[in-house]
C-alpha atoms as a PDB file:
ATOM      1  CA  MET A   1     174.510 -28.846 155.409  1.00  0.00           C
ATOM      2  CA  LEU A   2     177.028 -28.859 152.550  1.00  0.00           C
ATOM      3  CA  LYS A   3     174.776 -27.183 149.966  1.00  0.00           C
ATOM      4  CA  ASN A   4     177.322 -24.364 149.439  1.00  0.00           C
ATOM      5  CA  ILE A   5     179.952 -26.811 148.294  1.00  0.00           C
ATOM      6  CA  LEU A   6     178.244 -30.043 147.168  1.00  0.00           C
ATOM      7  CA  LYS A   7     175.322 -30.456 144.771  1.00  0.00           C
ATOM      8  CA  SER A   8     172.433 -32.717 145.796  1.00  0.00           C
ATOM      9  CA  SER A   9     172.397 -34.143 142.283  1.00  0.00           C
ATOM     10  CA  ASP A  10     176.026 -35.277 142.638  1.00  0.00           C
ATOM     11  CA  CYS A  11     175.148 -37.111 145.858  1.00  0.00           C
ATOM     12  CA  ALA A  12     172.022 -38.658 144.358  1.00  0.00           C
ATOM     13  CA  ALA A  13     173.996 -39.994 141.405  1.00  0.00           C
ATOM     14  CA  CYS A  14     176.829 -41.415 143.508  1.00  0.00           C
ATOM     15  CA  LYS A  15     175.599 -42.791 146.882  1.00  0.00           C
ATOM     16  CA  ILE A  16     179.097 -44.129 147.697  1.00  0.00           C
ATOM     17  CA  CYS A  17     178.748 -42.810 151.252  1.00  0.00           C
ATOM     18  CA  CYS A  18     175.803 -45.183 151.851  1.00  0.00           C
ATOM     19  CA  VAL A  19     177.739 -48.363 151.064  1.00  0.00           C
ATOM     20  CA  PHE A  20     180.421 -49.940 153.252  1.00  0.00           C
ATOM     21  CA  ASP A  21     182.881 -52.769 152.819  1.00  0.00           C
ATOM     22  CA  ASN A  22     184.718 -54.652 155.560  1.00  0.00           C
ATOM     23  CA  ASP A  23     187.534 -52.073 155.551  1.00  0.00           C
ATOM     24  CA  ASP A  24     185.285 -49.071 156.129  1.00  0.00           C
ATOM     25  CA  ILE A  25     182.509 -50.541 158.278  1.00  0.00           C
ATOM     26  CA  TRP A  26     183.940 -48.383 161.102  1.00  0.00           C
ATOM     27  CA  GLU A  27     182.500 -45.403 159.182  1.00  0.00           C
ATOM     28  CA  ILE A  28     178.854 -46.389 159.782  1.00  0.00           C
ATOM     29  CA  PRO A  29     177.277 -43.237 161.245  1.00  0.00           C
ATOM     30  CA  VAL A  30     176.633 -43.182 164.985  1.00  0.00           C
ATOM     31  CA  ILE A  31     173.359 -41.662 166.178  1.00  0.00           C
ATOM     32  CA  ASP A  32     172.100 -40.750 169.625  1.00  0.00           C
ATOM     33  CA  GLY A  33     169.153 -42.370 171.385  1.00  0.00           C
ATOM     34  CA  GLU A  34     166.732 -39.522 170.647  1.00  0.00           C
ATOM     35  CA  ARG A  35     167.341 -39.658 166.888  1.00  0.00           C
ATOM     36  CA  LYS A  36     167.137 -43.462 167.006  1.00  0.00           C
ATOM     37  CA  LYS A  37     163.718 -43.224 168.655  1.00  0.00           C
ATOM     38  CA  ARG A  38     162.446 -40.762 166.015  1.00  0.00           C
ATOM     39  CA  ILE A  39     163.724 -42.999 163.195  1.00  0.00           C
ATOM     40  CA  GLU A  40     162.053 -46.053 164.770  1.00  0.00           C
ATOM     41  CA  GLU A  41     158.751 -44.152 165.036  1.00  0.00           C
ATOM     42  CA  ARG A  42     158.903 -43.165 161.376  1.00  0.00           C
ATOM     43  CA  PHE A  43     160.459 -46.425 160.117  1.00  0.00           C
ATOM     44  CA  PRO A  44     159.408 -49.218 162.522  1.00  0.00           C
ATOM     45  CA  GLN A  45     161.307 -51.830 160.492  1.00  0.00           C
ATOM     46  CA  SER A  46     164.646 -50.150 161.377  1.00  0.00           C
ATOM     47  CA  LYS A  47     167.150 -52.213 163.330  1.00  0.00           C
ATOM     48  CA  PHE A  48     170.074 -50.835 165.318  1.00  0.00           C
ATOM     49  CA  GLU A  49     173.172 -52.059 167.107  1.00  0.00           C
ATOM     50  CA  ARG A  50     174.809 -50.431 170.110  1.00  0.00           C
ATOM     51  CA  ARG A  51     178.122 -48.643 169.543  1.00  0.00           C
ATOM     52  CA  GLY A  52     179.487 -47.006 172.686  1.00  0.00           C
ATOM     53  CA  ASP A  53     176.810 -44.689 174.050  1.00  0.00           C
ATOM     54  CA  GLY A  54     175.264 -44.380 170.587  1.00  0.00           C
ATOM     55  CA  TRP A  55     173.625 -46.536 167.951  1.00  0.00           C
ATOM     56  CA  VAL A  56     174.363 -47.560 164.351  1.00  0.00           C
ATOM     57  CA  PHE A  57     172.080 -49.065 161.744  1.00  0.00           C
ATOM     58  CA  ALA A  58     172.263 -52.852 161.621  1.00  0.00           C
ATOM     59  CA  MET A  59     173.468 -53.267 158.059  1.00  0.00           C
ATOM     60  CA  GLY A  60     172.195 -56.797 157.603  1.00  0.00           C
ATOM     61  CA  GLU A  61     173.796 -59.307 155.312  1.00  0.00           C
ATOM     62  CA  GLU A  62     176.713 -58.543 153.106  1.00  0.00           C
ATOM     63  CA  ARG A  63     176.001 -58.525 149.361  1.00  0.00           C
ATOM     64  CA  ASP A  64     178.911 -58.750 146.927  1.00  0.00           C
ATOM     65  CA  GLY A  65     181.264 -57.824 149.781  1.00  0.00           C
ATOM     66  CA  LEU A  66     179.286 -54.645 150.543  1.00  0.00           C
ATOM     67  CA  PHE A  67     176.890 -53.507 153.270  1.00  0.00           C
ATOM     68  CA  THR A  68     174.275 -50.971 152.163  1.00  0.00           C
ATOM     69  CA  CYS A  69     172.582 -48.579 154.569  1.00  0.00           C
ATOM     70  CA  PRO A  70     168.980 -49.735 155.076  1.00  0.00           C
ATOM     71  CA  ALA A  71     167.795 -46.104 154.797  1.00  0.00           C
ATOM     72  CA  LEU A  72     168.994 -45.918 151.181  1.00  0.00           C
ATOM     73  CA  ASP A  73     166.343 -46.165 148.497  1.00  0.00           C
ATOM     74  CA  PRO A  74     168.231 -46.930 145.267  1.00  0.00           C
ATOM     75  CA  ALA A  75     165.952 -44.663 143.238  1.00  0.00           C
ATOM     76  CA  LYS A  76     165.357 -41.811 145.704  1.00  0.00           C
ATOM     77  CA  GLY A  77     168.485 -41.779 147.873  1.00  0.00           C
ATOM     78  CA  CYS A  78     168.326 -41.365 151.643  1.00  0.00           C
ATOM     79  CA  THR A  79     164.850 -41.824 153.087  1.00  0.00           C
ATOM     80  CA  LEU A  80     165.648 -40.220 156.452  1.00  0.00           C
ATOM     81  CA  GLY A  81     165.299 -36.563 155.492  1.00  0.00           C
ATOM     82  CA  GLU A  82     165.761 -34.390 158.601  1.00  0.00           C
ATOM     83  CA  GLU A  83     166.595 -37.470 160.688  1.00  0.00           C
ATOM     84  CA  LYS A  84     169.730 -38.175 158.670  1.00  0.00           C
ATOM     85  CA  PRO A  85     172.675 -38.855 161.009  1.00  0.00           C
ATOM     86  CA  PHE A  86     175.049 -35.929 161.529  1.00  0.00           C
ATOM     87  CA  ASP A  87     177.904 -37.990 160.046  1.00  0.00           C
ATOM     88  CA  CYS A  88     175.874 -38.259 156.840  1.00  0.00           C
ATOM     89  CA  MET A  89     175.070 -34.541 156.791  1.00  0.00           C
ATOM     90  CA  ILE A  90     178.752 -33.620 156.835  1.00  0.00           C
ATOM     91  CA  TRP A  91     180.201 -36.481 154.761  1.00  0.00           C
ATOM     92  CA  PRO A  92     182.849 -36.558 153.287  1.00  0.00           C
ATOM     93  CA  TYR A  93     184.116 -34.363 156.124  1.00  0.00           C
ATOM     94  CA  ARG A  94     184.950 -36.605 159.103  1.00  0.00           C
ATOM     95  CA  ILE A  95     185.384 -35.698 162.752  1.00  0.00           C
ATOM     96  CA  MET A  96     188.253 -37.715 164.217  1.00  0.00           C
ATOM     97  CA  GLU A  97     190.531 -37.839 167.233  1.00  0.00           C
ATOM     98  CA  PHE A  98     194.219 -37.400 166.443  1.00  0.00           C
ATOM     99  CA  GLY A  99     196.863 -37.059 169.136  1.00  0.00           C
ATOM    100  CA  GLY A 100     194.301 -36.243 171.828  1.00  0.00           C
ATOM    101  CA  ARG A 101     192.605 -33.508 169.762  1.00  0.00           C
ATOM    102  CA  ARG A 102     189.543 -33.452 167.588  1.00  0.00           C
ATOM    103  CA  VAL A 103     190.255 -32.817 163.928  1.00  0.00           C
ATOM    104  CA  ILE A 104     188.187 -32.515 160.792  1.00  0.00           C
ATOM    105  CA  SER A 105     189.448 -34.540 157.887  1.00  0.00           C
ATOM    106  CA  ILE A 106     188.052 -35.504 154.520  1.00  0.00           C
ATOM    107  CA  ALA A 107     187.392 -38.920 153.003  1.00  0.00           C
ATOM    108  CA  ALA A 108     189.049 -39.362 149.639  1.00  0.00           C
ATOM    109  CA  LEU A 109     186.150 -41.449 148.366  1.00  0.00           C
ATOM    110  CA  CYS A 110     183.786 -38.616 147.454  1.00  0.00           C
ATOM    111  CA  PRO A 111     184.504 -37.937 143.785  1.00  0.00           C
ATOM    112  CA  SER A 112     182.832 -34.508 143.770  1.00  0.00           C
ATOM    113  CA  MET A 113     184.558 -33.137 146.860  1.00  0.00           C
ATOM    114  CA  TYR A 114     187.987 -34.608 146.267  1.00  0.00           C
ATOM    115  CA  LYS A 115     188.257 -32.722 142.958  1.00  0.00           C
ATOM    116  CA  LYS A 116     187.751 -29.384 144.720  1.00  0.00           C
ATOM    117  CA  PRO A 117     190.708 -27.194 145.631  1.00  0.00           C
ATOM    118  CA  LEU A 118     191.915 -27.442 149.206  1.00  0.00           C
ATOM    119  CA  SER A 119     191.177 -23.735 149.673  1.00  0.00           C
ATOM    120  CA  GLU A 120     187.479 -24.369 148.956  1.00  0.00           C
ATOM    121  CA  LEU A 121     187.280 -27.385 151.282  1.00  0.00           C
ATOM    122  CA  CYS A 122     188.996 -25.492 154.121  1.00  0.00           C
ATOM    123  CA  GLY A 123     187.102 -22.295 153.346  1.00  0.00           C
ATOM    124  CA  GLU A 124     183.765 -23.981 153.978  1.00  0.00           C
ATOM    125  CA  LEU A 125     185.047 -25.123 157.382  1.00  0.00           C
ATOM    126  CA  GLU A 126     186.375 -21.662 158.209  1.00  0.00           C
ATOM    127  CA  ASN A 127     183.025 -20.083 157.269  1.00  0.00           C
ATOM    128  CA  GLY A 128     181.273 -21.688 160.224  1.00  0.00           C
ATOM    129  CA  LEU A 129     180.913 -25.350 159.313  1.00  0.00           C
ATOM    130  CA  GLY A 130     183.986 -26.354 161.329  1.00  0.00           C
ATOM    131  CA  GLU A 131     182.583 -24.648 164.423  1.00  0.00           C
ATOM    132  CA  LYS A 132     179.253 -26.504 163.994  1.00  0.00           C
ATOM    133  CA  ILE A 133     181.020 -29.850 163.591  1.00  0.00           C
ATOM    134  CA  PHE A 134     183.188 -29.355 166.683  1.00  0.00           C
ATOM    135  CA  ALA A 135     180.177 -28.189 168.737  1.00  0.00           C
ATOM    136  CA  PHE A 136     178.149 -31.232 167.733  1.00  0.00           C
ATOM    137  CA  ALA A 137     181.099 -33.533 168.515  1.00  0.00           C
ATOM    138  CA  LYS A 138     181.426 -31.971 171.956  1.00  0.00           C
ATOM    139  CA  ASP A 139     177.780 -32.780 172.711  1.00  0.00           C
ATOM    140  CA  HIS A 140     177.919 -36.190 170.979  1.00  0.00           C
ATOM    141  CA  PRO A 141     181.408 -37.618 171.533  1.00  0.00           C
ATOM    142  CA  ASP A 142     180.454 -41.018 170.104  1.00  0.00           C
ATOM    143  CA  ILE A 143     180.528 -39.595 166.578  1.00  0.00           C
ATOM    144  CA  VAL A 144     184.268 -38.902 166.909  1.00  0.00           C
ATOM    145  CA  LYS A 145     186.178 -41.694 165.252  1.00  0.00           C
ATOM    146  CA  PRO A 146     189.852 -42.584 165.743  1.00  0.00           C
ATOM    147  CA  TYR A 147     192.067 -41.054 163.079  1.00  0.00           C
ATOM    148  CA  GLU A 148     192.609 -43.250 160.036  1.00  0.00           C
ATOM    149  CA  LYS A 149     195.804 -42.958 158.030  1.00  0.00           C
ATOM    150  CA  GLY A 150     195.232 -41.373 154.650  1.00  0.00           C
ATOM    151  CA  TYR A 151     192.548 -38.894 155.718  1.00  0.00           C
ATOM    152  CA  PRO A 152     193.929 -35.386 155.150  1.00  0.00           C
ATOM    153  CA  ILE A 153     193.418 -33.183 158.210  1.00  0.00           C
ATOM    154  CA  LEU A 154     191.827 -29.879 157.242  1.00  0.00           C
ATOM    155  CA  MET A 155     191.161 -28.302 160.647  1.00  0.00           C
ATOM    156  CA  THR A 156     192.031 -28.880 164.284  1.00  0.00           C
ATOM    157  CA  GLU A 157     189.970 -27.833 167.270  1.00  0.00           C
ATOM    158  CA  ASP A 158     191.307 -24.852 169.197  1.00  0.00           C
END
């Protein structure tokens, strides 16, 4: 989804978005029941936990203070392909609720994206990506996370 602005090779080399610590466990992607069912059919060993009306991967035990997504293959990257959660498809963009409105922000953790000029990050949103994110959030409100201080807001919903 971000191929215009982010290289697959950068993601494959980094994988920071697939690892969570206790401070960012709230960022685990939420998926709907239909996607959960398709993932379970393809990967029967998958385990999930309920979050609101959606589901998140059960991350299992903490290793070295970090939780790693069970869909991450260290050599190949994400194993989910087309079933990748929407949050993952748009990361490091984040859909959040701020002051009663949905906003799109960006996580400062992505080294490739955070080096890009603000005009490029906002431009991608203005060229249709923002509209797709807001539309998906409208249909899947559980992916909208509360605003976290430090996440620059790039776009607000009309």
